[in-house]
Amino acid sequence: MSDNTFVPADFDVPTELVAPEFRLVPLGGEHNVADLAAWSGSIEHIRATPGFQGAAGRRSTG
């Protein structure tokens, strides 16, 4: 087994990345309601997309 790690043990994980064009933050519980609303509001459009063959809108059981 190798002791190579993806990042050093003392790596400080950034809490956000800000640029003039965008701001990235880790997703948390405060984002769930808006994310579900956005996804749910797009299901019909996604299913109507030519070539789409997937499970859009099915709830995860895991």
PDB file of N, CA and C in Angstrom:
ATOM      1  N   MET A   1       0.844  -1.188   0.000  1.00  0.00           N
ATOM      2  CA  MET A   1       0.000   0.000   0.000  1.00  0.00           C
ATOM      3  C   MET A   1       0.888   1.249   0.000  1.00  0.00           C
ATOM      4  N   SER A   2       0.526   2.221  -0.789  1.00  0.00           N
ATOM      5  CA  SER A   2       1.284   3.454  -0.901  1.00  0.00           C
ATOM      6  C   SER A   2       0.816   4.454   0.146  1.00  0.00           C
ATOM      7  N   ASP A   3       1.719   5.272   0.648  1.00  0.00           N
ATOM      8  CA  ASP A   3       1.283   6.316   1.574  1.00  0.00           C
ATOM      9  C   ASP A   3       1.107   7.654   0.861  1.00  0.00           C
ATOM     10  N   ASN A   4       1.027   7.608  -0.479  1.00  0.00           N
ATOM     11  CA  ASN A   4       0.713   8.823  -1.242  1.00  0.00           C
ATOM     12  C   ASN A   4      -0.711   9.235  -0.935  1.00  0.00           C
ATOM     13  N   THR A   5      -0.915  10.492  -0.647  1.00  0.00           N
ATOM     14  CA  THR A   5      -2.262  10.995  -0.386  1.00  0.00           C
ATOM     15  C   THR A   5      -2.642  11.975  -1.478  1.00  0.00           C
ATOM     16  N   PHE A   6      -3.936  12.156  -1.636  1.00  0.00           N
ATOM     17  CA  PHE A   6      -4.442  13.076  -2.650  1.00  0.00           C
ATOM     18  C   PHE A   6      -4.032  14.508  -2.329  1.00  0.00           C
ATOM     19  N   VAL A   7      -4.152  14.876  -1.076  1.00  0.00           N
ATOM     20  CA  VAL A   7      -3.714  16.193  -0.611  1.00  0.00           C
ATOM     21  C   VAL A   7      -2.936  15.992   0.686  1.00  0.00           C
ATOM     22  N   PRO A   8      -2.048  16.896   1.030  1.00  0.00           N
ATOM     23  CA  PRO A   8      -1.306  16.770   2.283  1.00  0.00           C
ATOM     24  C   PRO A   8      -2.249  16.797   3.491  1.00  0.00           C
ATOM     25  N   ALA A   9      -1.870  16.134   4.554  1.00  0.00           N
ATOM     26  CA  ALA A   9      -2.691  16.067   5.765  1.00  0.00           C
ATOM     27  C   ALA A   9      -2.972  17.451   6.343  1.00  0.00           C
ATOM     28  N   ASP A  10      -2.074  18.398   6.149  1.00  0.00           N
ATOM     29  CA  ASP A  10      -2.266  19.737   6.712  1.00  0.00           C
ATOM     30  C   ASP A  10      -2.940  20.709   5.738  1.00  0.00           C
ATOM     31  N   PHE A  11      -3.521  20.188   4.660  1.00  0.00           N
ATOM     32  CA  PHE A  11      -4.188  21.028   3.660  1.00  0.00           C
ATOM     33  C   PHE A  11      -5.442  21.658   4.254  1.00  0.00           C
ATOM     34  N   ASP A  12      -5.565  22.969   4.158  1.00  0.00           N
ATOM     35  CA  ASP A  12      -6.759  23.677   4.618  1.00  0.00           C
ATOM     36  C   ASP A  12      -7.750  23.765   3.469  1.00  0.00           C
ATOM     37  N   VAL A  13      -8.891  23.126   3.631  1.00  0.00           N
ATOM     38  CA  VAL A  13      -9.927  23.123   2.597  1.00  0.00           C
ATOM     39  C   VAL A  13     -10.535  24.518   2.512  1.00  0.00           C
ATOM     40  N   PRO A  14     -10.563  25.116   1.314  1.00  0.00           N
ATOM     41  CA  PRO A  14     -11.153  26.452   1.182  1.00  0.00           C
ATOM     42  C   PRO A  14     -12.663  26.401   1.416  1.00  0.00           C
ATOM     43  N   THR A  15     -13.201  27.437   2.008  1.00  0.00           N
ATOM     44  CA  THR A  15     -14.645  27.491   2.257  1.00  0.00           C
ATOM     45  C   THR A  15     -15.401  28.174   1.130  1.00  0.00           C
ATOM     46  N   GLU A  16     -14.694  28.872   0.251  1.00  0.00           N
ATOM     47  CA  GLU A  16     -15.331  29.472  -0.913  1.00  0.00           C
ATOM     48  C   GLU A  16     -14.273  29.894  -1.921  1.00  0.00           C
ATOM     49  N   LEU A  17     -14.713  30.135  -3.139  1.00  0.00           N
ATOM     50  CA  LEU A  17     -13.856  30.655  -4.200  1.00  0.00           C
ATOM     51  C   LEU A  17     -14.622  31.800  -4.837  1.00  0.00           C
ATOM     52  N   VAL A  18     -14.063  32.982  -4.763  1.00  0.00           N
ATOM     53  CA  VAL A  18     -14.735  34.175  -5.275  1.00  0.00           C
ATOM     54  C   VAL A  18     -13.940  34.742  -6.443  1.00  0.00           C
ATOM     55  N   ALA A  19     -14.652  35.046  -7.521  1.00  0.00           N
ATOM     56  CA  ALA A  19     -14.086  35.688  -8.697  1.00  0.00           C
ATOM     57  C   ALA A  19     -15.092  36.745  -9.161  1.00  0.00           C
ATOM     58  N   PRO A  20     -14.683  37.657 -10.028  1.00  0.00           N
ATOM     59  CA  PRO A  20     -15.632  38.675 -10.496  1.00  0.00           C
ATOM     60  C   PRO A  20     -16.882  38.079 -11.141  1.00  0.00           C
ATOM     61  N   GLU A  21     -16.747  36.912 -11.782  1.00  0.00           N
ATOM     62  CA  GLU A  21     -17.866  36.320 -12.518  1.00  0.00           C
ATOM     63  C   GLU A  21     -18.714  35.356 -11.692  1.00  0.00           C
ATOM     64  N   PHE A  22     -18.193  34.861 -10.555  1.00  0.00           N
ATOM     65  CA  PHE A  22     -18.922  33.843  -9.808  1.00  0.00           C
ATOM     66  C   PHE A  22     -18.424  33.739  -8.372  1.00  0.00           C
ATOM     67  N   ARG A  23     -19.182  32.987  -7.587  1.00  0.00           N
ATOM     68  CA  ARG A  23     -18.805  32.654  -6.217  1.00  0.00           C
ATOM     69  C   ARG A  23     -19.176  31.194  -5.992  1.00  0.00           C
ATOM     70  N   LEU A  24     -18.231  30.364  -5.621  1.00  0.00           N
ATOM     71  CA  LEU A  24     -18.474  28.956  -5.361  1.00  0.00           C
ATOM     72  C   LEU A  24     -18.406  28.702  -3.860  1.00  0.00           C
ATOM     73  N   VAL A  25     -19.386  27.975  -3.351  1.00  0.00           N
ATOM     74  CA  VAL A  25     -19.396  27.576  -1.944  1.00  0.00           C
ATOM     75  C   VAL A  25     -19.808  26.109  -1.874  1.00  0.00           C
ATOM     76  N   PRO A  26     -19.362  25.389  -0.857  1.00  0.00           N
ATOM     77  CA  PRO A  26     -19.819  24.004  -0.707  1.00  0.00           C
ATOM     78  C   PRO A  26     -21.327  23.972  -0.460  1.00  0.00           C
ATOM     79  N   LEU A  27     -21.992  22.988  -1.041  1.00  0.00           N
ATOM     80  CA  LEU A  27     -23.426  22.862  -0.821  1.00  0.00           C
ATOM     81  C   LEU A  27     -23.708  22.343   0.575  1.00  0.00           C
ATOM     82  N   GLY A  28     -24.732  22.873   1.171  1.00  0.00           N
ATOM     83  CA  GLY A  28     -25.140  22.452   2.509  1.00  0.00           C
ATOM     84  C   GLY A  28     -26.650  22.364   2.585  1.00  0.00           C
ATOM     85  N   GLY A  29     -27.140  22.042   3.743  1.00  0.00           N
ATOM     86  CA  GLY A  29     -28.578  21.887   3.947  1.00  0.00           C
ATOM     87  C   GLY A  29     -29.393  23.103   3.545  1.00  0.00           C
ATOM     88  N   GLU A  30     -28.799  24.280   3.669  1.00  0.00           N
ATOM     89  CA  GLU A  30     -29.529  25.502   3.315  1.00  0.00           C
ATOM     90  C   GLU A  30     -29.828  25.604   1.821  1.00  0.00           C
ATOM     91  N   HIS A  31     -29.184  24.768   1.007  1.00  0.00           N
ATOM     92  CA  HIS A  31     -29.394  24.786  -0.436  1.00  0.00           C
ATOM     93  C   HIS A  31     -30.434  23.762  -0.901  1.00  0.00           C
ATOM     94  N   ASN A  32     -30.834  22.844  -0.045  1.00  0.00           N
ATOM     95  CA  ASN A  32     -31.684  21.727  -0.458  1.00  0.00           C
ATOM     96  C   ASN A  32     -33.035  22.142  -1.033  1.00  0.00           C
ATOM     97  N   VAL A  33     -33.726  23.053  -0.382  1.00  0.00           N
ATOM     98  CA  VAL A  33     -35.065  23.449  -0.836  1.00  0.00           C
ATOM     99  C   VAL A  33     -35.002  24.074  -2.225  1.00  0.00           C
ATOM    100  N   ALA A  34     -34.079  25.015  -2.416  1.00  0.00           N
ATOM    101  CA  ALA A  34     -33.960  25.674  -3.718  1.00  0.00           C
ATOM    102  C   ALA A  34     -33.511  24.690  -4.790  1.00  0.00           C
ATOM    103  N   ASP A  35     -32.604  23.772  -4.447  1.00  0.00           N
ATOM    104  CA  ASP A  35     -32.120  22.787  -5.412  1.00  0.00           C
ATOM    105  C   ASP A  35     -33.248  21.850  -5.832  1.00  0.00           C
ATOM    106  N   LEU A  36     -34.021  21.353  -4.877  1.00  0.00           N
ATOM    107  CA  LEU A  36     -35.140  20.473  -5.204  1.00  0.00           C
ATOM    108  C   LEU A  36     -36.177  21.202  -6.052  1.00  0.00           C
ATOM    109  N   ALA A  37     -36.455  22.449  -5.736  1.00  0.00           N
ATOM    110  CA  ALA A  37     -37.421  23.224  -6.514  1.00  0.00           C
ATOM    111  C   ALA A  37     -36.936  23.416  -7.950  1.00  0.00           C
ATOM    112  N   ALA A  38     -35.658  23.709  -8.116  1.00  0.00           N
ATOM    113  CA  ALA A  38     -35.110  23.901  -9.463  1.00  0.00           C
ATOM    114  C   ALA A  38     -35.164  22.611 -10.257  1.00  0.00           C
ATOM    115  N   TRP A  39     -34.758  21.514  -9.637  1.00  0.00           N
ATOM    116  CA  TRP A  39     -34.771  20.209 -10.308  1.00  0.00           C
ATOM    117  C   TRP A  39     -36.202  19.793 -10.644  1.00  0.00           C
ATOM    118  N   SER A  40     -37.094  19.894  -9.674  1.00  0.00           N
ATOM    119  CA  SER A  40     -38.482  19.480  -9.885  1.00  0.00           C
ATOM    120  C   SER A  40     -39.156  20.299 -10.970  1.00  0.00           C
ATOM    121  N   GLY A  41     -38.824  21.578 -11.044  1.00  0.00           N
ATOM    122  CA  GLY A  41     -39.396  22.441 -12.060  1.00  0.00           C
ATOM    123  C   GLY A  41     -38.855  22.173 -13.455  1.00  0.00           C
ATOM    124  N   SER A  42     -37.793  21.387 -13.555  1.00  0.00           N
ATOM    125  CA  SER A  42     -37.165  21.104 -14.847  1.00  0.00           C
ATOM    126  C   SER A  42     -37.443  19.702 -15.372  1.00  0.00           C
ATOM    127  N   ILE A  43     -38.094  18.857 -14.587  1.00  0.00           N
ATOM    128  CA  ILE A  43     -38.277  17.455 -14.970  1.00  0.00           C
ATOM    129  C   ILE A  43     -38.973  17.307 -16.317  1.00  0.00           C
ATOM    130  N   GLU A  44     -40.061  18.021 -16.523  1.00  0.00           N
ATOM    131  CA  GLU A  44     -40.803  17.913 -17.785  1.00  0.00           C
ATOM    132  C   GLU A  44     -39.911  18.316 -18.963  1.00  0.00           C
ATOM    133  N   HIS A  45     -39.168  19.397 -18.808  1.00  0.00           N
ATOM    134  CA  HIS A  45     -38.256  19.854 -19.868  1.00  0.00           C
ATOM    135  C   HIS A  45     -37.164  18.813 -20.134  1.00  0.00           C
ATOM    136  N   ILE A  46     -36.591  18.269 -19.072  1.00  0.00           N
ATOM    137  CA  ILE A  46     -35.525  17.271 -19.227  1.00  0.00           C
ATOM    138  C   ILE A  46     -36.055  16.037 -19.951  1.00  0.00           C
ATOM    139  N   ARG A  47     -37.215  15.548 -19.546  1.00  0.00           N
ATOM    140  CA  ARG A  47     -37.795  14.358 -20.178  1.00  0.00           C
ATOM    141  C   ARG A  47     -38.137  14.601 -21.644  1.00  0.00           C
ATOM    142  N   ALA A  48     -38.427  15.854 -22.014  1.00  0.00           N
ATOM    143  CA  ALA A  48     -38.785  16.175 -23.392  1.00  0.00           C
ATOM    144  C   ALA A  48     -37.563  16.397 -24.282  1.00  0.00           C
ATOM    145  N   THR A  49     -36.383  16.418 -23.694  1.00  0.00           N
ATOM    146  CA  THR A  49     -35.156  16.637 -24.457  1.00  0.00           C
ATOM    147  C   THR A  49     -34.900  15.456 -25.388  1.00  0.00           C
ATOM    148  N   PRO A  50     -34.758  15.710 -26.685  1.00  0.00           N
ATOM    149  CA  PRO A  50     -34.499  14.612 -27.623  1.00  0.00           C
ATOM    150  C   PRO A  50     -33.271  13.805 -27.205  1.00  0.00           C
ATOM    151  N   GLY A  51     -33.412  12.508 -27.181  1.00  0.00           N
ATOM    152  CA  GLY A  51     -32.312  11.627 -26.839  1.00  0.00           C
ATOM    153  C   GLY A  51     -32.193  11.320 -25.365  1.00  0.00           C
ATOM    154  N   PHE A  52     -32.993  11.987 -24.531  1.00  0.00           N
ATOM    155  CA  PHE A  52     -32.898  11.723 -23.098  1.00  0.00           C
ATOM    156  C   PHE A  52     -33.562  10.390 -22.780  1.00  0.00           C
ATOM    157  N   GLN A  53     -32.833   9.539 -22.087  1.00  0.00           N
ATOM    158  CA  GLN A  53     -33.377   8.265 -21.633  1.00  0.00           C
ATOM    159  C   GLN A  53     -32.849   8.029 -20.238  1.00  0.00           C
ATOM    160  N   GLY A  54     -33.502   8.561 -19.252  1.00  0.00           N
ATOM    161  CA  GLY A  54     -32.988   8.425 -17.898  1.00  0.00           C
ATOM    162  C   GLY A  54     -34.086   8.429 -16.879  1.00  0.00           C
ATOM    163  N   ALA A  55     -33.709   8.695 -15.645  1.00  0.00           N
ATOM    164  CA  ALA A  55     -34.633   8.590 -14.529  1.00  0.00           C
ATOM    165  C   ALA A  55     -34.938   9.949 -13.927  1.00  0.00           C
ATOM    166  N   ALA A  56     -35.010  10.999 -14.726  1.00  0.00           N
ATOM    167  CA  ALA A  56     -35.271  12.321 -14.192  1.00  0.00           C
ATOM    168  C   ALA A  56     -36.575  12.341 -13.428  1.00  0.00           C
ATOM    169  N   GLY A  57     -36.499  12.790 -12.197  1.00  0.00           N
ATOM    170  CA  GLY A  57     -37.701  12.928 -11.396  1.00  0.00           C
ATOM    171  C   GLY A  57     -37.979  11.748 -10.492  1.00  0.00           C
ATOM    172  N   ARG A  58     -37.265  10.674 -10.651  1.00  0.00           N
ATOM    173  CA  ARG A  58     -37.465   9.540  -9.736  1.00  0.00           C
ATOM    174  C   ARG A  58     -36.698   9.817  -8.460  1.00  0.00           C
ATOM    175  N   ARG A  59     -37.337   9.591  -7.354  1.00  0.00           N
ATOM    176  CA  ARG A  59     -36.696   9.829  -6.064  1.00  0.00           C
ATOM    177  C   ARG A  59     -35.736   8.710  -5.724  1.00  0.00           C
ATOM    178  N   SER A  60     -34.622   9.064  -5.153  1.00  0.00           N
ATOM    179  CA  SER A  60     -33.625   8.092  -4.723  1.00  0.00           C
ATOM    180  C   SER A  60     -34.151   7.323  -3.524  1.00  0.00           C
ATOM    181  N   THR A  61     -33.843   6.044  -3.484  1.00  0.00           N
ATOM    182  CA  THR A  61     -34.270   5.236  -2.341  1.00  0.00           C
ATOM    183  C   THR A  61     -33.109   4.916  -1.425  1.00  0.00           C
ATOM    184  N   GLY A  62     -31.940   5.461  -1.739  1.00  0.00           N
ATOM    185  CA  GLY A  62     -30.755   5.125  -0.941  1.00  0.00           C
ATOM    186  C   GLY A  62     -30.215   6.218  -0.139  1.00  0.00           C
TER     187      GLY A  62
END
